[in-house]
Amino acid sequence: MTPHQIDESLYTPMMPAKNPKPILGLIGGIGAGKSFIASLFAKHGCAVIDSDALAHEVLQSPPVKQELTDWLGQTILAPDGSVSRRTVGRIVFNDPAKLQRLNALIHPLVNQRRADLMVRYNTDPRISAVVWDSPLLLESGLDRECDAVAYVSAPPEVRMQRLAQSRGWTPDELQRREKLQFPLDKKASVADYYIDNGGDKAASEDQVLRVISQFMKKSC
């Protein structure tokens, strides 16, 4: 298995063949600002399912927390008793076998929570579409369940500045993490829509509105 591949058995499709609400997958480079773009989609009538947030919830759940401490030790716990994602990340991202084991623990639970949310959103008349914000959308094959995919872009220097400020990352850390994902040019090549999030927030919102308009027309 290459660094860009994920065991697809961890992502057994749980959605109906034709989902009642259209699904837009959100992809992009690390630090491109997908969360901000997702918030704009939410502002304009879309529900957002953030896989990273779901993974964080799963990571802190008592059964997973217990399994992780049994496996990796008490040192993965923060002073408040929660699981330190940064500590776990330092351990597993340097060891492919450990990363695969963590994925096997976390991803099926995230998949189930995503499916549960879709059941709720599909019956909510206030929601026009659902946006899946998933760092591994393409790598896991989840894009095949989406009606379309939007790529969020930002210049390398902007992404690095954001990551240094928000996560304390160095350029080496960004490069190491990006090696575990598909190359940016491949992500951009499979996208149906392109959103430049490298500058003015108002300009980003205008692009989101354009994507929503075009996406909904095609989904009708």
Protein backbone atom coordinates (compact mmCIF):
# COMPACT_ATOMS: atom_id res chain seq x y z
CA MET A 1 0.00 0.00 0.00
CA THR A 2 1.45 3.37 -1.02
CA PRO A 3 1.39 6.46 1.26
CA HIS A 4 -1.50 7.90 -0.79
CA GLN A 5 -3.71 4.85 -0.47
CA ILE A 6 -6.17 4.08 2.30
CA ASP A 7 -7.66 0.68 3.02
CA GLU A 8 -11.06 1.16 1.38
CA SER A 9 -12.58 -1.55 3.56
CA LEU A 10 -12.53 1.12 6.27
CA TYR A 11 -14.90 3.21 4.14
CA THR A 12 -17.62 0.75 3.21
CA PRO A 13 -20.27 2.92 1.47
CA MET A 14 -23.22 3.46 3.77
CA MET A 15 -25.24 5.83 1.60
CA PRO A 16 -28.18 4.97 -0.67
CA ALA A 17 -27.51 4.68 -4.41
CA LYS A 18 -29.14 8.07 -4.99
CA ASN A 19 -28.94 10.40 -2.03
CA PRO A 20 -31.98 12.68 -1.56
CA LYS A 21 -29.77 15.74 -1.01
CA PRO A 22 -26.86 16.46 -3.38
CA ILE A 23 -23.38 16.01 -1.90
CA LEU A 24 -20.45 18.29 -2.67
CA GLY A 25 -16.99 17.05 -1.69
CA LEU A 26 -14.47 19.67 -0.54
CA ILE A 27 -10.76 19.09 -1.15
CA GLY A 28 -7.58 21.17 -1.24
CA GLY A 29 -4.10 21.57 0.13
CA ILE A 30 -3.39 21.54 3.85
CA GLY A 31 -3.79 25.11 5.08
CA ALA A 32 -5.81 26.21 2.04
CA GLY A 33 -8.69 27.18 4.33
CA LYS A 34 -11.24 24.46 3.61
CA SER A 35 -12.87 24.99 7.01
CA PHE A 36 -13.47 28.67 6.26
CA ILE A 37 -14.90 27.82 2.84
CA ALA A 38 -17.08 25.15 4.43
CA SER A 39 -18.43 27.76 6.85
CA LEU A 40 -19.46 29.89 3.87
CA PHE A 41 -21.36 26.98 2.38
CA ALA A 42 -23.09 26.54 5.76
CA LYS A 43 -23.94 30.25 5.80
CA HIS A 44 -25.77 29.82 2.51
CA GLY A 45 -28.00 26.84 3.24
CA CYS A 46 -25.72 23.81 3.08
CA ALA A 47 -25.07 21.38 5.89
CA VAL A 48 -21.38 20.62 6.45
CA ILE A 49 -19.97 17.32 7.64
CA ASP A 50 -16.42 17.91 8.84
CA SER A 51 -14.58 14.58 8.93
CA ASP A 52 -11.74 16.08 10.94
CA ALA A 53 -14.17 17.28 13.61
CA LEU A 54 -15.87 13.87 13.67
CA ALA A 55 -12.46 12.20 14.06
CA HIS A 56 -11.73 14.49 17.01
CA GLU A 57 -15.03 13.48 18.65
CA VAL A 58 -14.27 9.81 18.08
CA LEU A 59 -10.73 10.22 19.42
CA GLN A 60 -12.07 11.58 22.72
CA SER A 61 -14.77 8.93 23.14
CA PRO A 62 -14.12 6.69 26.18
CA PRO A 63 -13.73 3.37 24.29
CA VAL A 64 -11.27 4.83 21.77
CA LYS A 65 -9.40 6.74 24.46
CA GLN A 66 -9.00 3.52 26.44
CA GLU A 67 -7.76 1.58 23.42
CA LEU A 68 -5.27 4.29 22.52
CA THR A 69 -3.81 4.52 26.01
CA ASP A 70 -3.54 0.71 26.19
CA TRP A 71 -1.71 0.78 22.88
CA LEU A 72 0.40 3.97 22.99
CA GLY A 73 0.57 4.66 26.71
CA GLN A 74 -0.56 7.42 29.06
CA THR A 75 1.86 9.91 27.49
CA ILE A 76 -0.68 10.61 24.73
CA LEU A 77 -2.95 12.30 27.27
CA ALA A 78 -2.96 16.06 27.72
CA PRO A 79 -2.91 17.58 31.24
CA ASP A 80 -6.72 17.80 31.19
CA GLY A 81 -7.01 14.07 30.51
CA SER A 82 -8.04 14.37 26.87
CA VAL A 83 -6.19 12.63 24.04
CA SER A 84 -3.54 14.94 22.59
CA ARG A 85 -3.98 14.81 18.82
CA ARG A 86 -0.59 16.42 18.35
CA THR A 87 1.15 13.72 20.42
CA VAL A 88 -0.70 10.91 18.65
CA GLY A 89 0.13 12.52 15.31
CA ARG A 90 3.85 12.68 16.11
CA ILE A 91 3.82 8.97 16.90
CA VAL A 92 1.76 7.55 14.05
CA PHE A 93 2.77 9.80 11.15
CA ASN A 94 6.34 8.53 11.46
CA ASP A 95 5.25 4.89 11.33
CA PRO A 96 3.03 3.65 8.44
CA ALA A 97 1.97 0.54 10.36
CA LYS A 98 0.85 2.59 13.35
CA LEU A 99 -0.94 5.05 11.08
CA GLN A 100 -2.82 2.19 9.43
CA ARG A 101 -3.79 0.79 12.82
CA LEU A 102 -5.08 4.21 13.94
CA ASN A 103 -7.07 4.54 10.71
CA ALA A 104 -8.60 1.11 11.26
CA LEU A 105 -9.74 2.25 14.70
CA ILE A 106 -10.99 5.75 13.86
CA HIS A 107 -12.31 5.74 10.29
CA PRO A 108 -15.15 3.20 10.58
CA LEU A 109 -16.53 5.19 13.52
CA VAL A 110 -16.26 8.44 11.57
CA ASN A 111 -17.99 6.74 8.63
CA GLN A 112 -20.88 5.71 10.86
CA ARG A 113 -21.28 9.20 12.30
CA ARG A 114 -21.28 10.66 8.79
CA ALA A 115 -24.04 8.26 7.76
CA ASP A 116 -26.08 9.15 10.87
CA LEU A 117 -25.80 12.85 10.06
CA MET A 118 -26.85 12.25 6.47
CA VAL A 119 -30.04 10.57 7.67
CA ARG A 120 -30.85 13.71 9.64
CA TYR A 121 -29.91 16.18 6.90
CA ASN A 122 -31.80 14.32 4.19
CA THR A 123 -35.07 14.98 5.99
CA ASP A 124 -34.37 18.62 6.88
CA PRO A 125 -36.18 20.96 4.42
CA ARG A 126 -33.94 23.87 5.42
CA ILE A 127 -30.90 22.17 3.90
CA SER A 128 -30.33 22.44 0.16
CA ALA A 129 -27.17 20.32 -0.09
CA VAL A 130 -24.54 18.64 2.06
CA VAL A 131 -20.83 19.48 1.94
CA TRP A 132 -18.31 16.80 2.91
CA ASP A 133 -15.11 18.40 4.19
CA SER A 134 -12.72 15.45 4.39
CA PRO A 135 -8.90 15.63 4.21
CA LEU A 136 -8.81 12.16 2.60
CA LEU A 137 -11.86 12.44 0.36
CA LEU A 138 -10.01 11.20 -2.73
CA GLU A 139 -7.61 8.85 -0.99
CA SER A 140 -10.47 6.98 0.68
CA GLY A 141 -12.71 6.92 -2.39
CA LEU A 142 -15.42 8.97 -0.69
CA ASP A 143 -15.50 11.25 -3.73
CA ARG A 144 -17.37 8.47 -5.55
CA GLU A 145 -20.34 9.12 -3.27
CA CYS A 146 -20.32 12.85 -4.08
CA ASP A 147 -22.26 14.51 -6.88
CA ALA A 148 -19.38 16.92 -7.47
CA VAL A 149 -16.06 18.01 -5.94
CA ALA A 150 -14.76 21.53 -5.26
CA TYR A 151 -11.05 22.27 -4.92
CA VAL A 152 -9.92 25.01 -2.51
CA SER A 153 -6.64 26.67 -3.42
CA ALA A 154 -4.22 29.10 -1.77
CA PRO A 155 -0.59 30.00 -2.57
CA PRO A 156 2.08 27.88 -0.81
CA GLU A 157 3.36 30.83 1.22
CA VAL A 158 -0.14 31.65 2.44
CA ARG A 159 -0.81 28.05 3.44
CA MET A 160 2.51 27.83 5.29
CA GLN A 161 1.87 31.08 7.16
CA ARG A 162 -1.56 29.86 8.25
CA LEU A 163 -0.19 26.53 9.44
CA ALA A 164 2.69 28.13 11.32
CA GLN A 165 0.27 30.42 13.14
CA SER A 166 -2.50 27.91 13.83
CA ARG A 167 -0.56 24.67 14.37
CA GLY A 168 3.04 25.67 14.86
CA TRP A 169 4.10 23.67 11.81
CA THR A 170 7.41 24.03 10.01
CA PRO A 171 7.82 23.65 6.22
CA ASP A 172 9.26 20.18 6.84
CA GLU A 173 6.16 19.16 8.78
CA LEU A 174 3.87 20.38 6.00
CA GLN A 175 5.91 18.50 3.42
CA ARG A 176 5.80 15.31 5.52
CA ARG A 177 2.03 15.48 5.94
CA GLU A 178 1.39 16.28 2.28
CA LYS A 179 3.32 13.18 1.23
CA LEU A 180 0.53 11.14 2.84
CA GLN A 181 -2.07 12.71 0.54
CA PHE A 182 -2.57 12.91 -3.19
CA PRO A 183 -0.47 15.61 -4.93
CA LEU A 184 -2.21 18.96 -5.25
CA ASP A 185 -2.16 18.88 -9.04
CA LYS A 186 -4.01 15.56 -9.00
CA LYS A 187 -6.59 16.94 -6.56
CA ALA A 188 -7.14 19.99 -8.74
CA SER A 189 -7.44 17.89 -11.89
CA VAL A 190 -10.39 15.84 -10.60
CA ALA A 191 -12.37 18.79 -9.23
CA ASP A 192 -15.56 20.09 -10.85
CA TYR A 193 -15.20 23.53 -9.23
CA TYR A 194 -12.25 25.71 -8.20
CA ILE A 195 -12.24 28.19 -5.31
CA ASP A 196 -9.31 30.58 -4.82
CA ASN A 197 -9.05 31.20 -1.08
CA GLY A 198 -5.72 32.94 -1.07
CA GLY A 199 -6.84 36.47 -0.40
CA ASP A 200 -9.96 38.54 0.12
CA LYS A 201 -12.71 36.81 2.14
CA ALA A 202 -15.46 38.57 0.21
CA ALA A 203 -14.02 37.24 -3.03
CA SER A 204 -14.02 33.74 -1.56
CA GLU A 205 -17.66 34.11 -0.59
CA ASP A 206 -18.58 35.26 -4.10
CA GLN A 207 -16.95 32.12 -5.49
CA VAL A 208 -18.83 29.92 -3.01
CA LEU A 209 -22.12 31.49 -4.09
CA ARG A 210 -21.23 30.83 -7.72
CA VAL A 211 -20.44 27.19 -6.95
CA ILE A 212 -23.70 26.75 -5.05
CA SER A 213 -25.69 28.20 -7.94
CA GLN A 214 -24.03 26.01 -10.57
CA PHE A 215 -24.03 22.91 -8.38
CA MET A 216 -27.72 23.16 -7.52
CA LYS A 217 -28.70 23.70 -11.16
CA LYS A 218 -26.83 20.54 -12.18
CA SER A 219 -28.32 18.58 -9.28
CA CYS A 220 -31.94 19.42 -10.10
